[in-house]
Amino acid sequence: MVSLVQGAILAAGRGERLRNAAGALPKPLVELNGEPLLLRQARLMAAAGLRRVVAIVNRETFSLFDKRPMDVAQLELIVLDTRNSLETMLAFADYLAPGYFLAATVDAVLSSFEFRSFCSRAMRLLANNDQSDADLGAQTVRSLDGVVAVTRWRGDQRPLFVSLSPTGDVAGFAQDACSLVTAGLYVLHT
């Protein structure tokens, strides 16, 4: 049985491009409709049924929590300076229990419905994948390592482009421009 009970929020970057427009605030503290992005992601994860949410933030962001009171009780905060998102993602291995987890960039902006729908669809895909892998008599059509949300590229400056196979599987990630980019949500196994 595939279950999704833990989440990981990538929030250790400096957010240079957004920082200039947000009064020098680090990206996790920038507000959308009066709510800091970091807390918004944690709230969406909790609403999607995740019982544990871990976020990695850098020292600068953490130091500003004193100046900007926030309810972070729903989060397990890890203070860690990392060089990039991949290093942040790999650091979660030390803090997550074995199993599937939802990883989200702090700036992935989806409605609550879209967020929950992605989680449900990802878990159905992975459950079907695990079922076909377990059935020794059936030929496995595909083997999924995880699920990534994609969206159309809307001109952001440094996206992670995604190429898809004819069956809709991710064929690769690239820096070369194409029509699809990651939407900042991933379901992966530790």
Protein backbone atom coordinates (compact mmCIF):
# COMPACT_ATOMS: atom_id res chain seq x y z
CA MET A 1 0.00 0.00 0.00
CA VAL A 2 1.36 3.39 -0.97
CA SER A 3 0.77 6.23 1.47
CA LEU A 4 1.91 9.81 1.59
CA VAL A 5 2.30 11.09 5.15
CA GLN A 6 5.33 13.38 5.10
CA GLY A 7 6.27 16.53 3.27
CA ALA A 8 9.48 18.42 2.60
CA ILE A 9 9.62 22.12 1.79
CA LEU A 10 12.70 23.39 -0.03
CA ALA A 11 13.16 26.88 1.41
CA ALA A 12 16.92 27.28 1.89
CA GLY A 13 17.62 29.47 -1.13
CA ARG A 14 18.10 33.22 -1.08
CA GLY A 15 15.41 33.93 -3.67
CA GLU A 16 17.41 36.71 -5.31
CA ARG A 17 14.97 37.49 -8.13
CA LEU A 18 11.93 37.71 -5.84
CA ARG A 19 13.90 39.45 -3.10
CA ASN A 20 14.36 42.57 -5.21
CA ALA A 21 10.60 42.96 -5.61
CA ALA A 22 9.75 41.98 -2.04
CA GLY A 23 11.57 44.55 0.04
CA ALA A 24 14.69 42.39 0.55
CA LEU A 25 12.76 39.57 2.26
CA PRO A 26 13.91 36.00 1.69
CA LYS A 27 11.46 34.08 -0.49
CA PRO A 28 9.99 31.89 2.32
CA LEU A 29 8.84 35.04 4.15
CA VAL A 30 7.28 36.78 1.16
CA GLU A 31 3.53 36.92 1.66
CA LEU A 32 0.82 35.82 -0.70
CA ASN A 33 -2.61 37.05 0.42
CA GLY A 34 -1.14 37.94 3.81
CA GLU A 35 0.46 34.52 4.43
CA PRO A 36 4.20 33.79 4.19
CA LEU A 37 4.97 31.32 1.39
CA LEU A 38 6.61 28.91 3.85
CA LEU A 39 3.50 28.71 6.05
CA ARG A 40 1.26 28.50 2.99
CA GLN A 41 3.08 25.38 1.78
CA ALA A 42 2.91 23.80 5.25
CA ARG A 43 -0.83 24.54 5.46
CA LEU A 44 -1.47 23.04 2.01
CA MET A 45 0.49 19.93 2.95
CA ALA A 46 -1.50 19.52 6.15
CA ALA A 47 -4.77 20.03 4.24
CA ALA A 48 -3.66 17.30 1.79
CA GLY A 49 -3.35 14.88 4.71
CA LEU A 50 0.37 14.95 5.37
CA ARG A 51 0.97 14.42 9.07
CA ARG A 52 4.59 15.56 9.15
CA VAL A 53 6.10 18.56 7.35
CA VAL A 54 9.81 19.34 7.41
CA ALA A 55 11.25 22.54 5.92
CA ILE A 56 14.88 23.41 5.36
CA VAL A 57 15.53 27.15 5.67
CA ASN A 58 18.81 29.02 5.67
CA ARG A 59 20.22 30.89 8.66
CA GLU A 60 19.19 34.29 7.31
CA THR A 61 15.54 33.27 6.94
CA PHE A 62 15.51 31.66 10.37
CA SER A 63 17.01 34.80 11.96
CA LEU A 64 14.11 36.85 10.60
CA PHE A 65 11.49 34.67 12.30
CA ASP A 66 12.06 36.69 15.51
CA LYS A 67 11.30 39.92 13.66
CA ARG A 68 8.22 38.53 11.89
CA PRO A 69 6.15 36.48 14.33
CA MET A 70 4.80 33.38 12.65
CA ASP A 71 3.09 30.26 13.87
CA VAL A 72 5.55 27.55 12.89
CA ALA A 73 4.15 24.86 15.18
CA GLN A 74 2.97 22.89 12.14
CA LEU A 75 6.53 22.73 10.80
CA GLU A 76 9.72 20.99 11.75
CA LEU A 77 12.31 23.58 10.80
CA ILE A 78 15.82 22.55 9.87
CA VAL A 79 18.31 25.42 9.63
CA LEU A 80 20.87 24.61 6.99
CA ASP A 81 22.72 26.69 4.41
CA THR A 82 22.87 24.80 1.12
CA ARG A 83 24.32 25.80 -2.24
CA ASN A 84 21.35 24.81 -4.40
CA SER A 85 18.00 23.01 -4.48
CA LEU A 86 19.56 19.65 -5.25
CA GLU A 87 21.76 19.87 -2.16
CA THR A 88 18.69 20.85 -0.12
CA MET A 89 16.72 17.90 -1.53
CA LEU A 90 19.53 15.48 -0.69
CA ALA A 91 19.76 16.89 2.85
CA PHE A 92 16.20 15.75 3.54
CA ALA A 93 17.50 12.15 3.65
CA ASP A 94 18.74 12.85 7.17
CA TYR A 95 15.33 14.05 8.39
CA LEU A 96 12.63 11.99 6.66
CA ALA A 97 11.40 8.52 7.57
CA PRO A 98 11.76 5.88 4.85
CA GLY A 99 8.94 5.95 2.32
CA TYR A 100 7.26 8.32 -0.09
CA PHE A 101 7.26 12.05 0.58
CA LEU A 102 5.93 15.16 -1.11
CA ALA A 103 8.65 17.70 -1.87
CA ALA A 104 7.60 21.24 -2.71
CA THR A 105 9.55 24.33 -3.52
CA VAL A 106 8.52 27.18 -1.26
CA ASP A 107 7.27 29.19 -4.25
CA ALA A 108 5.08 26.52 -5.91
CA VAL A 109 1.78 28.40 -6.03
CA LEU A 110 -1.20 26.14 -6.50
CA SER A 111 -4.72 26.26 -5.16
CA SER A 112 -5.60 23.89 -2.34
CA PHE A 113 -7.65 21.83 -4.80
CA GLU A 114 -4.75 21.56 -7.27
CA PHE A 115 -2.36 20.65 -4.47
CA ARG A 116 -4.61 17.86 -3.13
CA SER A 117 -5.37 16.64 -6.66
CA PHE A 118 -1.67 16.30 -7.45
CA CYS A 119 -1.07 14.34 -4.24
CA SER A 120 -4.00 11.99 -4.93
CA ARG A 121 -3.06 11.42 -8.56
CA ALA A 122 0.61 10.84 -7.73
CA MET A 123 -0.27 8.26 -5.09
CA ARG A 124 -2.66 6.46 -7.46
CA LEU A 125 0.06 6.30 -10.13
CA LEU A 126 2.61 4.98 -7.66
CA ALA A 127 0.16 2.47 -6.17
CA ASN A 128 -0.63 1.13 -9.65
CA ASN A 129 3.10 1.00 -10.36
CA ASP A 130 3.82 -0.91 -7.14
CA GLN A 131 0.93 -3.28 -7.88
CA SER A 132 2.26 -4.15 -11.35
CA ASP A 133 5.81 -4.56 -9.99
CA ALA A 134 4.53 -6.95 -7.30
CA ASP A 135 2.53 -9.07 -9.73
CA LEU A 136 5.13 -11.50 -11.03
CA GLY A 137 2.83 -12.79 -13.76
CA ALA A 138 2.24 -9.38 -15.30
CA GLN A 139 4.61 -7.55 -17.54
CA THR A 140 5.49 -4.17 -16.02
CA VAL A 141 4.66 -1.55 -18.61
CA ARG A 142 6.59 1.16 -16.83
CA SER A 143 8.44 1.61 -13.60
CA LEU A 144 7.98 4.94 -11.86
CA ASP A 145 10.63 6.36 -9.57
CA GLY A 146 8.42 9.27 -8.60
CA VAL A 147 5.93 11.80 -9.91
CA VAL A 148 6.57 15.42 -10.85
CA ALA A 149 4.01 18.16 -11.50
CA VAL A 150 4.61 20.05 -14.72
CA THR A 151 3.15 23.22 -16.13
CA ARG A 152 3.54 25.38 -19.23
CA TRP A 153 6.55 27.66 -19.25
CA ARG A 154 5.42 31.23 -18.66
CA GLY A 155 8.75 32.98 -19.12
CA ASP A 156 10.31 32.68 -15.65
CA GLN A 157 14.03 33.35 -15.79
CA ARG A 158 15.64 30.11 -14.58
CA PRO A 159 13.12 27.28 -14.80
CA LEU A 160 13.84 23.57 -14.81
CA PHE A 161 12.57 22.49 -18.22
CA VAL A 162 10.99 19.06 -18.62
CA SER A 163 10.81 16.91 -21.72
CA LEU A 164 8.19 14.18 -21.87
CA SER A 165 8.15 10.85 -23.65
CA PRO A 166 5.23 10.03 -25.97
CA THR A 167 3.59 8.17 -23.03
CA GLY A 168 3.77 11.25 -20.78
CA ASP A 169 6.67 10.07 -18.64
CA VAL A 170 9.45 12.52 -17.85
CA ALA A 171 12.18 11.82 -20.38
CA GLY A 172 14.58 14.34 -18.89
CA PHE A 173 15.28 17.66 -17.22
CA ALA A 174 17.20 20.30 -19.12
CA GLN A 175 18.30 23.89 -19.25
CA ASP A 176 17.25 24.14 -22.91
CA ALA A 177 13.96 25.95 -23.45
CA CYS A 178 10.92 23.83 -24.18
CA SER A 179 7.23 24.29 -23.44
CA LEU A 180 7.05 22.52 -20.05
CA VAL A 181 8.71 23.22 -16.70
CA THR A 182 8.45 21.66 -13.27
CA ALA A 183 5.66 23.10 -11.13
CA GLY A 184 7.64 22.69 -7.92
CA LEU A 185 5.86 19.56 -6.61
CA TYR A 186 7.42 16.10 -6.54
CA VAL A 187 6.45 12.82 -4.92
CA LEU A 188 9.57 10.75 -4.38
CA HIS A 189 10.76 7.83 -2.31
CA THR A 190 13.49 8.39 0.22
